Amino acid sequence: MNGFNTYWIIAGLILIALIIYIIKQIKLEREIALKDTTLESLEEKLKKHKLVGGRHKRTNKKNPPIV
């Protein structure tokens, strides 16, 4: 009977560890998703100021810039 109780204790500890791991992964995923949206908004602001990408007013007709 003692071995049976040990089995349930170990199974319970593994289950608790698994739940904690899943919760940490969800929190990390949300944090990364927030960083992605802030990077996208920064990129849009930079495009409006023509610092990244976008068309330039002066273009070389033979060799237009790759946008």
Protein backbone atom coordinates (compact mmCIF):
# COMPACT_ATOMS: atom_id res chain seq x y z
CA MET A 1 0.00 0.00 0.00
CA ASN A 2 2.92 2.35 0.66
CA GLY A 3 4.10 2.14 -2.97
CA PHE A 4 0.61 3.01 -4.19
CA ASN A 5 0.58 6.23 -2.14
CA THR A 6 4.04 7.18 -3.39
CA TYR A 7 2.80 6.74 -6.98
CA TRP A 8 -0.07 9.19 -6.42
CA ILE A 9 2.20 11.74 -4.71
CA ILE A 10 4.67 11.65 -7.62
CA ALA A 11 1.84 11.84 -10.17
CA GLY A 12 0.38 14.84 -8.32
CA LEU A 13 3.72 16.64 -8.23
CA ILE A 14 4.25 16.07 -11.96
CA LEU A 15 0.75 17.38 -12.66
CA ILE A 16 1.35 20.51 -10.56
CA ALA A 17 4.69 21.12 -12.32
CA LEU A 18 2.97 20.73 -15.70
CA ILE A 19 0.26 23.24 -14.78
CA ILE A 20 2.86 25.78 -13.58
CA TYR A 21 4.83 25.30 -16.85
CA ILE A 22 1.71 25.89 -18.99
CA ILE A 23 0.80 29.04 -17.03
CA LYS A 24 4.33 30.43 -17.49
CA GLN A 25 4.20 29.72 -21.23
CA ILE A 26 0.88 31.55 -21.57
CA LYS A 27 2.26 34.59 -19.70
CA LEU A 28 5.39 34.59 -21.88
CA GLU A 29 3.28 34.32 -25.05
CA ARG A 30 1.18 37.33 -24.03
CA GLU A 31 4.29 39.37 -23.23
CA ILE A 32 5.83 38.57 -26.62
CA ALA A 33 2.55 39.41 -28.38
CA LEU A 34 2.55 42.84 -26.68
CA LYS A 35 6.13 43.47 -27.84
CA ASP A 36 5.17 42.54 -31.41
CA THR A 37 2.33 45.06 -31.50
CA THR A 38 4.54 47.84 -30.13
CA LEU A 39 7.16 47.10 -32.80
CA GLU A 40 4.51 47.22 -35.53
CA SER A 41 3.23 50.59 -34.32
CA LEU A 42 6.77 51.98 -34.15
CA GLU A 43 7.43 50.79 -37.70
CA GLU A 44 4.26 52.54 -38.92
CA LYS A 45 5.37 55.78 -37.25
CA LEU A 46 8.81 55.51 -38.86
CA LYS A 47 7.25 54.92 -42.28
CA LYS A 48 5.18 58.08 -41.88
CA HIS A 49 8.39 60.03 -41.28
CA LYS A 50 10.02 58.27 -44.26
CA LEU A 51 12.85 56.90 -42.14
CA VAL A 52 12.12 53.31 -43.10
CA GLY A 53 10.95 52.23 -46.54
CA GLY A 54 8.47 54.40 -48.40
CA ARG A 55 9.13 56.26 -51.63
CA HIS A 56 11.63 59.07 -51.88
CA LYS A 57 10.87 62.24 -53.82
CA ARG A 58 13.96 62.02 -55.99
CA THR A 59 14.28 58.79 -57.91
CA ASN A 60 16.79 57.70 -60.47
CA LYS A 61 14.66 56.66 -63.46
CA LYS A 62 17.17 54.02 -64.60
CA ASN A 63 17.79 52.58 -61.13
CA PRO A 64 14.74 53.16 -58.92
CA PRO A 65 15.29 52.37 -55.22
CA ILE A 66 14.10 48.97 -54.07
CA VAL A 67 11.27 49.52 -51.63
